[in-house]
Amino acid sequence: MQALAIQSPHAAATDAPRWHRVCRLAELTDSWGEAALVGGRQVALFRVGADDVFAVAQADPATHAHVMARGIVGSRGHAPTIASPLHKEVYNLATGECFGAPDLALGTYRVRVVDGVVEVAL
């Protein structure tokens, strides 16, 4: 007999991401990473261009060292990327996909800018 999963009408509220105010957009420099402690997690923030901001895990997927904010920002086609400062693996900032090693993936977080303030969802 197969068990049925019944979702409570209140489950959506508990599963919803919590938005954390991190910094002002103006405090982020284009193509430069900044590390932040967000809800107890180390997050690397990257501003790319005038308005695009990406948030990824600060931990390098290959070594688990917290260094991704010091990576090199670039692009592959139209996809913004970050290269790990340790092994130079290149990751898509939007999806976390690793271009050189498909078994590696960089954690990503949703980001929004509200009234000039960067917010990250955990």
Protein backbone atom coordinates (compact mmCIF):
# COMPACT_ATOMS: atom_id res chain seq x y z
CA MET A 1 0.00 0.00 0.00
CA GLN A 2 1.38 3.40 -0.96
CA ALA A 3 1.22 6.25 1.53
CA LEU A 4 -0.31 9.48 0.31
CA ALA A 5 1.42 12.75 1.01
CA ILE A 6 -1.10 15.25 2.26
CA GLN A 7 0.03 18.84 2.34
CA SER A 8 -1.30 21.06 5.06
CA PRO A 9 -2.85 24.33 3.87
CA HIS A 10 -0.27 26.04 6.09
CA ALA A 11 2.74 24.23 4.57
CA ALA A 12 3.28 26.87 1.90
CA ALA A 13 3.81 29.53 4.55
CA THR A 14 6.47 27.47 6.34
CA ASP A 15 8.18 26.48 3.08
CA ALA A 16 8.34 30.05 1.79
CA PRO A 17 11.82 31.56 1.70
CA ARG A 18 12.71 34.16 4.29
CA TRP A 19 14.16 37.34 2.83
CA HIS A 20 17.15 38.86 4.63
CA ARG A 21 18.26 42.46 4.15
CA VAL A 22 22.02 42.39 3.46
CA CYS A 23 23.32 45.73 2.19
CA ARG A 24 22.54 48.66 -0.07
CA LEU A 25 23.00 48.03 -3.80
CA ALA A 26 25.27 51.09 -3.96
CA GLU A 27 27.69 49.38 -1.54
CA LEU A 28 28.44 46.61 -4.07
CA THR A 29 31.06 47.29 -6.73
CA ASP A 30 30.48 45.98 -10.25
CA SER A 31 32.25 42.65 -10.90
CA TRP A 32 33.61 42.42 -7.36
CA GLY A 33 32.57 39.91 -4.71
CA GLU A 34 31.63 40.60 -1.12
CA ALA A 35 31.14 38.03 1.62
CA ALA A 36 28.20 38.30 4.02
CA LEU A 37 26.82 36.29 6.90
CA VAL A 38 23.13 35.85 6.06
CA GLY A 39 20.92 33.93 8.45
CA GLY A 40 23.98 32.11 9.79
CA ARG A 41 25.24 31.14 6.31
CA GLN A 42 28.29 32.49 4.52
CA VAL A 43 27.14 33.96 1.22
CA ALA A 44 29.12 35.59 -1.60
CA LEU A 45 27.41 38.52 -3.34
CA PHE A 46 28.28 39.76 -6.82
CA ARG A 47 26.98 42.82 -8.61
CA VAL A 48 27.20 42.45 -12.38
CA GLY A 49 26.41 45.58 -14.34
CA ALA A 50 24.12 48.29 -13.01
CA ASP A 51 21.36 46.22 -11.43
CA ASP A 52 22.06 42.47 -11.49
CA VAL A 53 23.06 40.91 -8.17
CA PHE A 54 23.83 37.24 -7.58
CA ALA A 55 24.21 35.38 -4.29
CA VAL A 56 26.04 32.06 -4.07
CA ALA A 57 27.50 29.88 -1.37
CA GLN A 58 30.80 31.23 -0.08
CA ALA A 59 32.17 27.67 0.14
CA ASP A 60 34.15 26.45 -2.87
CA PRO A 61 32.43 23.21 -3.98
CA ALA A 62 35.75 21.43 -4.64
CA THR A 63 37.55 22.28 -1.37
CA HIS A 64 34.80 23.62 0.93
CA ALA A 65 37.04 26.60 1.74
CA HIS A 66 35.04 29.81 2.16
CA VAL A 67 36.64 31.83 -0.64
CA MET A 68 34.17 32.34 -3.49
CA ALA A 69 33.77 36.10 -2.88
CA ARG A 70 37.42 36.40 -3.95
CA GLY A 71 36.80 34.66 -7.27
CA ILE A 72 37.11 36.24 -10.69
CA VAL A 73 33.86 37.48 -12.28
CA GLY A 74 33.49 36.86 -16.00
CA SER A 75 31.04 35.44 -18.52
CA ARG A 76 30.43 32.56 -20.87
CA GLY A 77 28.32 33.93 -23.67
CA HIS A 78 25.59 35.89 -21.88
CA ALA A 79 25.91 33.90 -18.64
CA PRO A 80 27.71 35.70 -15.79
CA THR A 81 30.31 33.47 -14.12
CA ILE A 82 32.59 33.21 -11.12
CA ALA A 83 35.93 31.38 -11.21
CA SER A 84 37.03 29.85 -7.93
CA PRO A 85 40.22 31.50 -6.65
CA LEU A 86 41.62 28.09 -5.66
CA HIS A 87 41.19 25.67 -8.58
CA LYS A 88 39.84 28.11 -11.17
CA GLU A 89 36.69 26.05 -11.78
CA VAL A 90 34.13 28.31 -13.48
CA TYR A 91 30.52 28.42 -12.26
CA ASN A 92 27.40 30.02 -13.70
CA LEU A 93 26.36 32.68 -11.16
CA ALA A 94 22.66 32.22 -11.90
CA THR A 95 22.44 28.42 -11.81
CA GLY A 96 25.56 27.25 -9.93
CA GLU A 97 26.45 24.89 -12.81
CA CYS A 98 30.18 24.13 -13.10
CA PHE A 99 31.38 24.38 -16.70
CA GLY A 100 34.49 22.20 -16.26
CA ALA A 101 33.40 19.55 -13.76
CA PRO A 102 29.75 18.48 -14.02
CA ASP A 103 29.93 16.72 -10.63
CA LEU A 104 30.49 20.08 -8.90
CA ALA A 105 27.77 22.68 -8.30
CA LEU A 106 27.80 25.99 -6.48
CA GLY A 107 24.84 26.73 -4.23
CA THR A 108 22.78 29.72 -5.36
CA TYR A 109 20.26 31.92 -3.56
CA ARG A 110 17.42 34.11 -4.80
CA VAL A 111 18.16 37.83 -4.71
CA ARG A 112 16.01 40.92 -5.05
CA VAL A 113 16.58 44.64 -4.68
CA VAL A 114 13.89 46.53 -2.76
CA ASP A 115 14.19 50.31 -2.47
CA GLY A 116 17.92 50.10 -3.17
CA VAL A 117 18.52 47.33 -0.59
CA VAL A 118 19.79 43.88 -1.57
CA GLU A 119 17.80 41.03 -0.03
CA VAL A 120 18.71 37.33 -0.13
CA ALA A 121 16.23 34.47 0.35
CA LEU A 122 17.18 31.47 2.44
